[in-house]
Amino acid sequence: MVSALLGFMAISGLLGQQNLQRLAVKVIPLDDLFANLSGRVELELENRRRWLPAFLISVEIGSGATLFPLLPSRHCQRQPLSLTLSERGYQPLPEIWVRSCFPINFFVRSRCIFIEQQLLVFPKPLAAELPSGGTASQQSRRREMPQPGIDGELRSVDSYRPSDPLKSIHWKLSARQNEYIVKRQTRLGAPSLLLNLEDFTGPLEQRLGQCAFLINRLISQQQAVGLQMTDLLIPPAGGRNQRLKLLTELALYGRR
């Protein structure tokens, strides 16, 4: 009986160790990551074994964990995970632990995987108002923005997108083209603003956080926002690309 139990433990140990072999992990950000705030990433687990599937694989990064019940050979699966990083800039991934209780739940075997991957972390947004008397308040030039609608000067016609309002559809032209066509007018947008890091008060990290907060808020309101720092000037513009460009400069300020 003792010999049988020892043999069973040896076989289960061998199967458990084999279950953790040739597994590759990749981390894919789903949202923008901000320092000290929980963000969503996606874990991609790949089973590179030729024949054997992987069972009951738990992947842990920091305080987050996710479970892959069954991963066939030569396949990969993705699972969402919450991740919190404490510093801004390009940050290395924390230790990644791969664990499994397979084949029996008597022992939990684990393995640490190191990935040479860095994630860009933006400064933590801190609530702030536009500084009075600074550069931000001096930029009041309004710009023309092409928007779907029924007022303003006609600029062009374009294919319908889910974000376009129904009232912007050109019904006669849509019937002729056999698809929804919208009218795009040109109208005055919100004033453009230039944020200057020196106009904010407090420690550096606080000023960076206040700038990040205003960039997120103003661009979500479809305003054109620019940024001026010690040796850098980014002209005002709108859209997601501009937002990411400004936040990236804040994240890497003093870290290059």
Protein backbone atom coordinates (compact mmCIF):
# COMPACT_ATOMS: atom_id res chain seq x y z
CA MET A 1 0.00 0.00 0.00
CA VAL A 2 2.82 2.42 0.90
CA SER A 3 4.63 1.59 -2.33
CA ALA A 4 1.43 2.19 -4.33
CA LEU A 5 0.86 5.57 -2.65
CA LEU A 6 4.45 6.62 -3.21
CA GLY A 7 4.22 5.55 -6.83
CA PHE A 8 0.95 7.50 -7.20
CA MET A 9 2.59 10.61 -5.71
CA ALA A 10 5.57 10.28 -8.06
CA ILE A 11 3.34 9.96 -11.13
CA SER A 12 1.14 12.91 -10.05
CA GLY A 13 4.26 14.99 -9.47
CA LEU A 14 5.58 14.15 -12.92
CA LEU A 15 2.25 15.01 -14.55
CA GLY A 16 2.01 18.22 -12.56
CA GLN A 17 5.45 19.40 -13.61
CA GLN A 18 4.79 18.44 -17.22
CA ASN A 19 1.56 20.42 -17.10
CA LEU A 20 3.52 23.66 -16.52
CA GLN A 21 6.10 23.15 -19.26
CA ARG A 22 6.27 25.05 -22.57
CA LEU A 23 3.69 27.68 -21.64
CA ALA A 24 4.17 31.25 -22.90
CA VAL A 25 2.45 34.33 -21.47
CA LYS A 26 1.86 37.68 -23.16
CA VAL A 27 0.29 40.80 -21.63
CA ILE A 28 -1.84 43.05 -23.85
CA PRO A 29 -3.17 46.36 -22.45
CA LEU A 30 -6.90 46.88 -23.02
CA ASP A 31 -7.17 50.36 -21.49
CA ASP A 32 -4.84 53.26 -20.86
CA LEU A 33 -2.86 52.54 -17.69
CA PHE A 34 -2.50 55.24 -15.05
CA ALA A 35 -0.19 55.09 -12.04
CA ASN A 36 -1.79 53.72 -8.85
CA LEU A 37 -5.09 53.07 -10.64
CA SER A 38 -6.41 49.65 -11.57
CA GLY A 39 -6.33 49.07 -15.32
CA ARG A 40 -7.45 46.23 -17.55
CA VAL A 41 -5.02 44.04 -19.44
CA GLU A 42 -5.48 40.82 -21.34
CA LEU A 43 -3.41 37.74 -20.61
CA GLU A 44 -2.62 35.54 -23.56
CA LEU A 45 -1.53 32.03 -22.58
CA GLU A 46 -0.08 29.82 -25.29
CA ASN A 47 0.45 26.08 -25.04
CA ARG A 48 3.46 25.29 -27.20
CA ARG A 49 3.39 21.55 -26.57
CA ARG A 50 2.88 19.36 -29.58
CA TRP A 51 0.38 16.87 -28.16
CA LEU A 52 -0.51 17.41 -24.50
CA PRO A 53 -3.14 19.94 -23.38
CA ALA A 54 -2.74 22.05 -20.25
CA PHE A 55 -5.22 21.80 -17.37
CA LEU A 56 -6.28 24.19 -14.58
CA ILE A 57 -3.63 26.84 -15.23
CA SER A 58 -3.80 29.89 -12.95
CA VAL A 59 -1.75 32.95 -14.00
CA GLU A 60 -0.98 35.59 -11.37
CA ILE A 61 0.45 39.09 -11.88
CA GLY A 62 0.72 41.17 -8.74
CA SER A 63 -2.57 40.87 -6.88
CA GLY A 64 -4.56 39.76 -9.95
CA ALA A 65 -5.13 36.20 -11.10
CA THR A 66 -7.10 34.44 -13.80
CA LEU A 67 -7.78 30.76 -14.53
CA PHE A 68 -7.48 28.82 -17.79
CA PRO A 69 -9.40 25.54 -17.19
CA LEU A 70 -8.33 23.78 -20.41
CA LEU A 71 -5.83 24.84 -23.05
CA PRO A 72 -5.39 22.45 -26.00
CA SER A 73 -1.96 21.86 -27.49
CA ARG A 74 -0.73 24.44 -30.01
CA HIS A 75 -3.48 26.82 -28.96
CA CYS A 76 -3.66 30.12 -27.11
CA GLN A 77 -6.42 31.70 -25.06
CA ARG A 78 -6.99 35.16 -23.63
CA GLN A 79 -8.46 36.24 -20.32
CA PRO A 80 -8.93 39.77 -18.85
CA LEU A 81 -7.08 40.77 -15.70
CA SER A 82 -6.82 43.86 -13.48
CA LEU A 83 -3.33 45.29 -13.09
CA THR A 84 -2.06 48.19 -10.97
CA LEU A 85 1.37 49.77 -11.48
CA SER A 86 2.67 52.38 -9.05
CA GLU A 87 5.07 54.44 -11.21
CA ARG A 88 4.63 56.43 -14.42
CA GLY A 89 6.70 55.90 -17.54
CA TYR A 90 7.71 52.60 -19.10
CA GLN A 91 7.38 50.02 -16.33
CA PRO A 92 8.52 46.38 -16.41
CA LEU A 93 5.95 43.74 -15.70
CA PRO A 94 5.80 42.29 -12.17
CA GLU A 95 6.69 38.64 -11.68
CA ILE A 96 4.29 36.30 -13.45
CA TRP A 97 3.47 33.10 -11.58
CA VAL A 98 1.91 30.14 -13.35
CA ARG A 99 0.28 27.67 -10.93
CA SER A 100 -1.73 24.48 -11.22
CA CYS A 101 -3.25 21.90 -8.88
CA PHE A 102 -3.41 19.29 -11.67
CA PRO A 103 -3.74 16.27 -11.56
CA ILE A 104 -5.08 16.11 -7.97
CA ASN A 105 -5.72 18.95 -5.59
CA PHE A 106 -3.20 17.76 -2.98
CA PHE A 107 -0.29 19.87 -4.23
CA VAL A 108 -0.15 23.20 -6.06
CA ARG A 109 2.86 23.46 -8.33
CA SER A 110 4.09 26.82 -9.55
CA ARG A 111 6.56 28.32 -11.95
CA CYS A 112 7.81 31.90 -12.35
CA ILE A 113 7.94 33.33 -15.87
CA PHE A 114 9.99 36.41 -16.71
CA ILE A 115 8.89 38.53 -19.68
CA GLU A 116 11.02 41.32 -21.11
CA GLN A 117 8.01 43.55 -21.74
CA GLN A 118 7.32 47.10 -20.60
CA LEU A 119 4.00 48.90 -20.31
CA LEU A 120 3.54 52.65 -20.67
CA VAL A 121 1.93 54.09 -17.53
CA PHE A 122 0.51 57.62 -17.53
CA PRO A 123 0.52 59.93 -14.47
CA LYS A 124 -2.39 59.47 -12.09
CA PRO A 125 -5.04 62.11 -12.95
CA LEU A 126 -5.61 64.62 -10.14
CA ALA A 127 -8.68 66.85 -10.22
CA ALA A 128 -7.78 70.41 -11.20
CA GLU A 129 -9.15 73.57 -12.78
CA LEU A 130 -7.54 75.59 -15.53
CA PRO A 131 -4.93 77.89 -13.97
CA SER A 132 -5.96 81.55 -14.09
CA GLY A 133 -3.65 84.08 -15.70
CA GLY A 134 -1.44 81.44 -17.28
CA THR A 135 -0.79 80.27 -20.79
CA ALA A 136 -3.88 78.07 -20.79
CA SER A 137 -6.23 81.01 -20.35
CA GLN A 138 -4.56 83.05 -23.10
CA GLN A 139 -5.40 80.67 -25.92
CA SER A 140 -8.93 81.52 -27.06
CA ARG A 141 -8.77 81.04 -30.82
CA ARG A 142 -11.72 79.04 -32.08
CA ARG A 143 -11.30 76.52 -34.86
CA GLU A 144 -13.60 75.05 -37.46
CA MET A 145 -14.55 71.41 -36.97
CA PRO A 146 -16.27 69.12 -39.52
CA GLN A 147 -19.20 67.52 -37.68
CA PRO A 148 -22.33 65.65 -38.75
CA GLY A 149 -25.50 67.66 -38.32
CA ILE A 150 -28.13 69.84 -39.96
CA ASP A 151 -26.70 73.29 -39.25
CA GLY A 152 -23.54 75.04 -40.39
CA GLU A 153 -21.93 75.21 -43.81
CA LEU A 154 -22.04 72.01 -45.87
CA ARG A 155 -18.52 70.60 -46.14
CA SER A 156 -18.95 67.11 -47.57
CA VAL A 157 -21.10 63.99 -47.67
CA ASP A 158 -19.88 60.73 -46.27
CA SER A 159 -20.96 57.19 -45.40
CA TYR A 160 -22.96 56.76 -42.21
CA ARG A 161 -21.14 55.68 -39.04
CA PRO A 162 -22.81 54.35 -35.86
CA SER A 163 -21.75 57.50 -33.95
CA ASP A 164 -23.54 59.84 -36.41
CA PRO A 165 -26.95 61.22 -35.38
CA LEU A 166 -29.93 60.08 -37.45
CA LYS A 167 -30.90 63.68 -38.24
CA SER A 168 -27.68 64.08 -40.24
CA ILE A 169 -28.75 61.44 -42.82
CA HIS A 170 -29.32 62.77 -46.32
CA TRP A 171 -32.39 60.68 -47.15
CA LYS A 172 -32.71 61.49 -50.85
CA LEU A 173 -29.04 60.79 -51.54
CA SER A 174 -29.18 57.65 -49.38
CA ALA A 175 -32.09 56.30 -51.45
CA ARG A 176 -30.17 57.01 -54.64
CA GLN A 177 -26.93 55.37 -53.40
CA ASN A 178 -28.71 52.46 -51.70
CA GLU A 179 -26.79 53.18 -48.47
CA TYR A 180 -26.99 55.70 -45.64
CA ILE A 181 -25.24 58.99 -46.48
CA VAL A 182 -24.71 61.78 -43.94
CA LYS A 183 -24.11 65.51 -44.38
CA ARG A 184 -21.07 66.96 -42.68
CA GLN A 185 -21.15 70.63 -41.77
CA THR A 186 -18.31 72.93 -40.78
CA ARG A 187 -18.92 74.85 -37.59
CA LEU A 188 -16.92 76.58 -34.91
CA GLY A 189 -15.57 74.28 -32.24
CA ALA A 190 -14.47 74.97 -28.69
CA PRO A 191 -11.49 77.31 -28.05
CA SER A 192 -8.06 75.75 -28.32
CA LEU A 193 -6.02 75.61 -25.12
CA LEU A 194 -2.31 75.38 -24.43
CA LEU A 195 -1.45 73.84 -21.06
CA ASN A 196 1.84 74.89 -19.51
CA LEU A 197 3.31 72.68 -16.81
CA GLU A 198 4.79 75.72 -15.09
CA ASP A 199 1.33 77.29 -14.56
CA PHE A 200 0.42 74.59 -12.02
CA THR A 201 1.55 74.63 -8.40
CA GLY A 202 2.87 71.87 -6.19
CA PRO A 203 5.37 69.03 -6.58
CA LEU A 204 6.19 67.70 -10.03
CA GLU A 205 4.07 64.56 -9.77
CA GLN A 206 1.08 66.62 -8.65
CA ARG A 207 1.46 69.02 -11.57
CA LEU A 208 1.77 66.14 -14.03
CA GLY A 209 -1.37 64.56 -12.59
CA GLN A 210 -3.32 67.81 -12.90
CA CYS A 211 -2.22 68.18 -16.53
CA ALA A 212 -3.28 64.59 -17.24
CA PHE A 213 -6.70 65.24 -15.69
CA LEU A 214 -7.30 68.38 -17.78
CA ILE A 215 -6.12 66.69 -20.98
CA ASN A 216 -8.58 63.83 -20.47
CA ARG A 217 -11.45 66.18 -19.64
CA LEU A 218 -10.88 68.79 -22.34
CA ILE A 219 -10.31 66.37 -25.21
CA SER A 220 -13.41 64.39 -24.17
CA GLN A 221 -15.25 67.71 -24.62
CA GLN A 222 -13.86 67.91 -28.18
CA GLN A 223 -11.53 70.79 -27.41
CA ALA A 224 -8.14 71.28 -29.02
CA VAL A 225 -5.41 70.97 -26.39
CA GLY A 226 -1.67 71.57 -26.60
CA LEU A 227 1.16 71.22 -24.10
CA GLN A 228 4.18 73.35 -23.26
CA MET A 229 6.98 72.09 -21.05
CA THR A 230 10.58 73.15 -20.47
CA ASP A 231 11.96 72.37 -23.92
CA LEU A 232 8.86 71.05 -25.70
CA LEU A 233 5.88 72.66 -27.40
CA ILE A 234 3.03 70.57 -28.84
CA PRO A 235 0.50 72.71 -30.76
CA PRO A 236 -3.18 72.36 -29.83
CA ALA A 237 -5.14 69.62 -31.57
CA GLY A 238 -7.99 67.29 -30.77
CA GLY A 239 -8.72 63.58 -30.96
CA ARG A 240 -7.47 60.39 -29.36
CA ASN A 241 -4.04 60.51 -31.03
CA GLN A 242 -3.39 63.96 -29.60
CA ARG A 243 -4.52 62.80 -26.16
CA LEU A 244 -2.14 59.83 -26.24
CA LYS A 245 0.69 62.04 -27.49
CA LEU A 246 0.24 64.52 -24.64
CA LEU A 247 -0.14 61.84 -21.96
CA THR A 248 2.95 60.05 -23.25
CA GLU A 249 5.03 63.22 -22.92
CA LEU A 250 3.76 63.64 -19.35
CA ALA A 251 4.53 60.00 -18.53
CA LEU A 252 8.11 60.23 -19.83
CA TYR A 253 8.88 63.71 -18.45
CA GLY A 254 12.22 63.51 -16.67
CA ARG A 255 12.46 59.74 -17.30
CA ARG A 256 14.27 59.70 -20.64
